N, C-alpha and C. Protein backbone atom coordinates (compact mmCIF):
# COMPACT_ATOMS: atom_id res chain seq x y z
N MET A 1 24.28 12.60 -53.37
CA MET A 1 24.09 11.39 -52.55
C MET A 1 25.05 10.33 -53.07
N ARG A 2 25.84 9.73 -52.15
CA ARG A 2 26.84 8.73 -52.59
C ARG A 2 26.11 7.41 -52.74
N ASP A 3 26.81 6.53 -53.56
CA ASP A 3 26.25 5.22 -53.88
C ASP A 3 26.76 4.12 -52.97
N TYR A 4 27.24 4.42 -51.86
CA TYR A 4 27.69 3.45 -50.93
C TYR A 4 27.45 3.99 -49.47
N VAL A 5 27.52 3.08 -48.56
CA VAL A 5 27.33 3.40 -47.13
C VAL A 5 28.44 2.73 -46.36
N ILE A 6 28.98 3.45 -45.39
CA ILE A 6 29.96 2.86 -44.49
C ILE A 6 29.29 2.45 -43.16
N ILE A 7 29.52 1.20 -42.81
CA ILE A 7 28.94 0.68 -41.55
C ILE A 7 30.06 0.19 -40.72
N SER A 8 29.94 0.49 -39.38
CA SER A 8 30.97 0.00 -38.44
C SER A 8 30.17 -0.52 -37.20
N ASP A 9 30.91 -1.06 -36.31
CA ASP A 9 30.26 -1.40 -35.05
C ASP A 9 30.77 -0.47 -33.93
N SER A 10 30.16 -0.50 -32.84
CA SER A 10 30.43 0.46 -31.76
C SER A 10 31.79 0.21 -31.12
N CYS A 11 32.51 -0.86 -31.41
CA CYS A 11 33.79 -1.09 -30.99
C CYS A 11 34.79 -0.12 -31.64
N SER A 12 34.38 0.59 -32.64
CA SER A 12 35.22 1.54 -33.36
C SER A 12 35.45 2.76 -32.46
N ASP A 13 34.63 2.92 -31.44
CA ASP A 13 34.72 4.11 -30.48
C ASP A 13 34.68 5.41 -31.13
N LEU A 14 33.98 5.56 -32.21
CA LEU A 14 33.80 6.84 -32.84
C LEU A 14 32.90 7.75 -32.00
N THR A 15 33.24 9.02 -31.94
CA THR A 15 32.36 9.98 -31.22
C THR A 15 31.14 10.22 -32.03
N PRO A 16 30.02 10.65 -31.40
CA PRO A 16 28.85 11.11 -32.21
C PRO A 16 29.17 12.11 -33.28
N GLU A 17 30.12 13.06 -33.00
CA GLU A 17 30.47 14.04 -33.90
C GLU A 17 31.05 13.49 -35.14
N ILE A 18 32.03 12.53 -34.99
CA ILE A 18 32.66 11.91 -36.15
C ILE A 18 31.64 11.07 -36.93
N VAL A 19 30.84 10.35 -36.23
CA VAL A 19 29.73 9.53 -36.87
C VAL A 19 28.88 10.40 -37.75
N ASN A 20 28.52 11.58 -37.25
CA ASN A 20 27.75 12.52 -38.08
C ASN A 20 28.50 13.12 -39.24
N GLU A 21 29.82 13.46 -38.90
CA GLU A 21 30.59 14.16 -39.93
C GLU A 21 30.90 13.30 -41.14
N ILE A 22 31.22 12.01 -40.92
CA ILE A 22 31.57 11.18 -42.02
C ILE A 22 30.35 10.28 -42.44
N ASP A 23 29.25 10.51 -41.76
CA ASP A 23 27.99 9.73 -42.13
C ASP A 23 28.22 8.23 -42.15
N VAL A 24 28.75 7.69 -41.01
CA VAL A 24 28.93 6.20 -40.89
C VAL A 24 27.76 5.72 -40.07
N LYS A 25 27.20 4.55 -40.42
CA LYS A 25 26.20 3.93 -39.60
C LYS A 25 26.92 3.00 -38.59
N ILE A 26 26.37 3.05 -37.37
CA ILE A 26 27.04 2.29 -36.30
C ILE A 26 26.05 1.18 -35.82
N ILE A 27 26.57 -0.02 -35.77
CA ILE A 27 25.85 -1.22 -35.24
C ILE A 27 26.27 -1.28 -33.77
N PRO A 28 25.22 -1.09 -32.84
CA PRO A 28 25.59 -1.10 -31.42
C PRO A 28 25.86 -2.55 -30.97
N MET A 29 26.98 -2.72 -30.29
CA MET A 29 27.32 -4.02 -29.76
C MET A 29 26.63 -4.17 -28.39
N LYS A 30 26.26 -5.41 -28.07
CA LYS A 30 25.51 -5.68 -26.91
C LYS A 30 26.41 -6.09 -25.73
N PHE A 31 26.08 -5.69 -24.52
CA PHE A 31 26.80 -6.12 -23.32
C PHE A 31 25.83 -6.20 -22.13
N THR A 32 26.25 -6.99 -21.15
CA THR A 32 25.46 -7.18 -19.96
C THR A 32 26.35 -6.84 -18.77
N VAL A 33 25.87 -6.08 -17.86
CA VAL A 33 26.61 -5.78 -16.68
C VAL A 33 25.55 -5.60 -15.47
N LYS A 34 25.92 -6.22 -14.37
CA LYS A 34 24.95 -6.14 -13.16
C LYS A 34 23.59 -6.72 -13.48
N GLY A 35 23.59 -7.73 -14.38
CA GLY A 35 22.35 -8.37 -14.66
C GLY A 35 21.46 -7.61 -15.72
N ALA A 36 21.89 -6.49 -16.20
CA ALA A 36 21.05 -5.75 -17.22
C ALA A 36 21.83 -5.72 -18.50
N SER A 37 21.01 -5.82 -19.57
CA SER A 37 21.58 -5.78 -20.99
C SER A 37 21.49 -4.42 -21.54
N TYR A 38 22.54 -4.01 -22.23
CA TYR A 38 22.58 -2.68 -22.92
C TYR A 38 23.15 -2.79 -24.31
N GLU A 39 22.96 -1.77 -25.08
CA GLU A 39 23.57 -1.63 -26.40
C GLU A 39 24.50 -0.45 -26.35
N ASN A 40 25.69 -0.57 -26.92
CA ASN A 40 26.71 0.40 -26.88
C ASN A 40 26.59 1.33 -28.03
N TYR A 41 26.05 2.51 -27.85
CA TYR A 41 25.94 3.49 -28.92
C TYR A 41 26.95 4.61 -28.73
N PRO A 42 27.35 5.31 -29.77
CA PRO A 42 28.37 6.39 -29.57
C PRO A 42 27.84 7.49 -28.63
N ASP A 43 26.55 7.71 -28.67
CA ASP A 43 25.97 8.85 -27.84
C ASP A 43 25.70 8.35 -26.41
N GLU A 44 26.07 7.04 -26.09
CA GLU A 44 25.85 6.54 -24.79
C GLU A 44 24.40 6.55 -24.23
N ARG A 45 23.41 6.41 -25.17
CA ARG A 45 22.00 6.48 -24.76
C ARG A 45 21.57 5.42 -23.84
N ASP A 46 22.20 4.25 -23.91
CA ASP A 46 21.76 3.16 -22.99
C ASP A 46 22.35 3.22 -21.61
N LEU A 47 23.68 3.54 -21.67
CA LEU A 47 24.39 3.56 -20.36
C LEU A 47 25.57 4.54 -20.58
N PRO A 48 25.65 5.65 -19.86
CA PRO A 48 26.78 6.55 -19.92
C PRO A 48 28.07 5.79 -19.54
N ALA A 49 29.17 6.18 -20.23
CA ALA A 49 30.40 5.53 -19.97
C ALA A 49 30.90 5.66 -18.48
N HIS A 50 30.65 6.79 -17.90
CA HIS A 50 31.06 6.96 -16.53
C HIS A 50 30.30 5.99 -15.52
N GLU A 51 29.04 5.71 -15.84
CA GLU A 51 28.31 4.78 -15.00
C GLU A 51 28.81 3.32 -15.26
N PHE A 52 29.20 3.00 -16.51
CA PHE A 52 29.69 1.68 -16.85
C PHE A 52 30.98 1.51 -16.05
N TYR A 53 31.90 2.44 -16.17
CA TYR A 53 33.23 2.28 -15.51
C TYR A 53 33.13 2.38 -14.00
N ASP A 54 32.13 3.09 -13.46
CA ASP A 54 31.94 3.03 -11.99
C ASP A 54 31.52 1.63 -11.61
N MET A 55 30.71 0.97 -12.33
CA MET A 55 30.35 -0.42 -12.01
C MET A 55 31.51 -1.38 -12.09
N VAL A 56 32.42 -1.20 -13.09
CA VAL A 56 33.56 -2.03 -13.22
C VAL A 56 34.50 -1.82 -12.13
N ARG A 57 34.78 -0.50 -11.75
CA ARG A 57 35.58 -0.21 -10.61
C ARG A 57 34.97 -0.82 -9.31
N GLY A 58 33.67 -0.93 -9.24
CA GLY A 58 33.07 -1.50 -8.12
C GLY A 58 33.03 -2.99 -8.03
N GLY A 59 33.62 -3.62 -9.10
CA GLY A 59 33.78 -5.07 -9.04
C GLY A 59 32.94 -5.83 -10.00
N GLU A 60 32.05 -5.10 -10.71
CA GLU A 60 31.15 -5.80 -11.70
C GLU A 60 31.99 -6.25 -12.90
N MET A 61 31.63 -7.45 -13.38
CA MET A 61 32.33 -7.89 -14.66
C MET A 61 31.37 -7.92 -15.78
N PRO A 62 31.57 -7.06 -16.83
CA PRO A 62 30.62 -7.01 -17.91
C PRO A 62 30.91 -8.19 -18.89
N THR A 63 29.96 -8.64 -19.57
CA THR A 63 30.08 -9.72 -20.60
C THR A 63 29.47 -9.19 -21.87
N THR A 64 29.93 -9.70 -23.00
CA THR A 64 29.48 -9.31 -24.33
C THR A 64 28.81 -10.39 -25.02
N SER A 65 28.05 -10.06 -26.05
CA SER A 65 27.51 -11.12 -26.95
C SER A 65 27.60 -10.62 -28.40
N GLN A 66 27.66 -11.56 -29.34
CA GLN A 66 27.79 -11.24 -30.80
C GLN A 66 26.50 -10.78 -31.37
N ILE A 67 26.62 -10.11 -32.50
CA ILE A 67 25.41 -9.83 -33.27
C ILE A 67 25.19 -11.04 -34.15
N ASN A 68 23.94 -11.55 -34.26
CA ASN A 68 23.76 -12.78 -35.06
C ASN A 68 23.59 -12.36 -36.60
N SER A 69 23.62 -13.35 -37.44
CA SER A 69 23.64 -13.07 -38.88
C SER A 69 22.30 -12.42 -39.28
N THR A 70 21.23 -12.76 -38.67
CA THR A 70 19.89 -12.12 -38.99
C THR A 70 19.98 -10.60 -38.74
N GLU A 71 20.58 -10.18 -37.62
CA GLU A 71 20.74 -8.78 -37.32
C GLU A 71 21.57 -8.08 -38.41
N PHE A 72 22.69 -8.76 -38.84
CA PHE A 72 23.47 -8.10 -39.87
C PHE A 72 22.65 -8.00 -41.14
N ILE A 73 21.87 -8.98 -41.57
CA ILE A 73 21.06 -8.92 -42.76
C ILE A 73 20.06 -7.84 -42.63
N ASP A 74 19.42 -7.66 -41.49
CA ASP A 74 18.41 -6.63 -41.25
C ASP A 74 19.06 -5.20 -41.38
N ILE A 75 20.35 -5.11 -40.97
CA ILE A 75 21.05 -3.82 -41.12
C ILE A 75 21.53 -3.50 -42.54
N PHE A 76 22.11 -4.52 -43.22
CA PHE A 76 22.68 -4.29 -44.53
C PHE A 76 21.59 -4.30 -45.66
N GLU A 77 20.59 -5.14 -45.52
CA GLU A 77 19.61 -5.28 -46.62
C GLU A 77 18.99 -4.06 -47.13
N PRO A 78 18.52 -3.14 -46.33
CA PRO A 78 17.83 -1.91 -46.84
C PRO A 78 18.81 -1.15 -47.76
N PHE A 79 20.09 -1.04 -47.37
CA PHE A 79 21.05 -0.35 -48.23
C PHE A 79 21.26 -0.99 -49.60
N LEU A 80 21.41 -2.35 -49.52
CA LEU A 80 21.59 -3.21 -50.70
C LEU A 80 20.36 -3.02 -51.63
N GLN A 81 19.13 -2.98 -51.08
CA GLN A 81 17.92 -2.86 -51.85
C GLN A 81 17.89 -1.51 -52.50
N GLU A 82 18.52 -0.55 -51.95
CA GLU A 82 18.63 0.83 -52.53
C GLU A 82 19.66 0.83 -53.65
N GLY A 83 20.40 -0.24 -53.86
CA GLY A 83 21.45 -0.37 -54.93
C GLY A 83 22.76 0.23 -54.40
N LYS A 84 22.89 0.42 -53.16
CA LYS A 84 24.13 0.94 -52.59
C LYS A 84 25.07 -0.19 -52.27
N ASP A 85 26.40 0.06 -52.36
CA ASP A 85 27.38 -0.79 -51.84
C ASP A 85 27.62 -0.54 -50.43
N VAL A 86 28.07 -1.57 -49.73
CA VAL A 86 28.31 -1.48 -48.29
C VAL A 86 29.74 -1.75 -47.92
N LEU A 87 30.38 -0.90 -47.28
CA LEU A 87 31.70 -1.14 -46.78
C LEU A 87 31.59 -1.28 -45.22
N TYR A 88 31.82 -2.49 -44.80
CA TYR A 88 31.68 -2.79 -43.29
C TYR A 88 33.11 -2.81 -42.71
N ILE A 89 33.30 -2.00 -41.74
CA ILE A 89 34.61 -1.99 -41.04
C ILE A 89 34.29 -2.50 -39.65
N GLY A 90 34.60 -3.77 -39.35
CA GLY A 90 34.26 -4.39 -38.08
C GLY A 90 35.41 -4.66 -37.16
N PHE A 91 35.08 -5.05 -35.91
CA PHE A 91 35.98 -5.46 -34.95
C PHE A 91 36.73 -6.70 -35.48
N SER A 92 38.02 -6.78 -35.08
CA SER A 92 38.88 -7.87 -35.56
C SER A 92 38.36 -9.25 -35.19
N SER A 93 38.40 -10.12 -36.15
CA SER A 93 37.99 -11.54 -35.91
C SER A 93 38.86 -12.23 -34.96
N GLY A 94 40.00 -11.71 -34.75
CA GLY A 94 40.92 -12.31 -33.71
C GLY A 94 40.49 -11.94 -32.31
N LEU A 95 39.56 -10.97 -32.13
CA LEU A 95 39.19 -10.55 -30.84
C LEU A 95 37.66 -10.75 -30.61
N SER A 96 36.94 -11.05 -31.71
CA SER A 96 35.52 -11.17 -31.67
C SER A 96 34.98 -12.27 -32.55
N GLY A 97 33.93 -12.94 -32.12
CA GLY A 97 33.29 -13.86 -33.03
C GLY A 97 32.30 -13.17 -34.06
N THR A 98 32.07 -11.88 -33.88
CA THR A 98 31.21 -11.20 -34.70
C THR A 98 31.84 -11.06 -36.09
């Protein structure tokens, strides 16, 4: 068992296979389209990519929201309590407020 954990957000666009292979934890980013809110998981459990892109092609404009600091603490804290180091690889601050 390694003494660190790698965490990224779903903007990394890693496939479920890669997520499992390298054992990275993914923070799902939130988005809203057609009045409904979703979380973007690598396995597309909330909304399959083809449905999302069908809506966009149909004229819908999705919006995104940031993860707040409490959500980050809730995600990181259990690993830190276990004494593990955390390497977070996130979306560029030039493109996201997260």
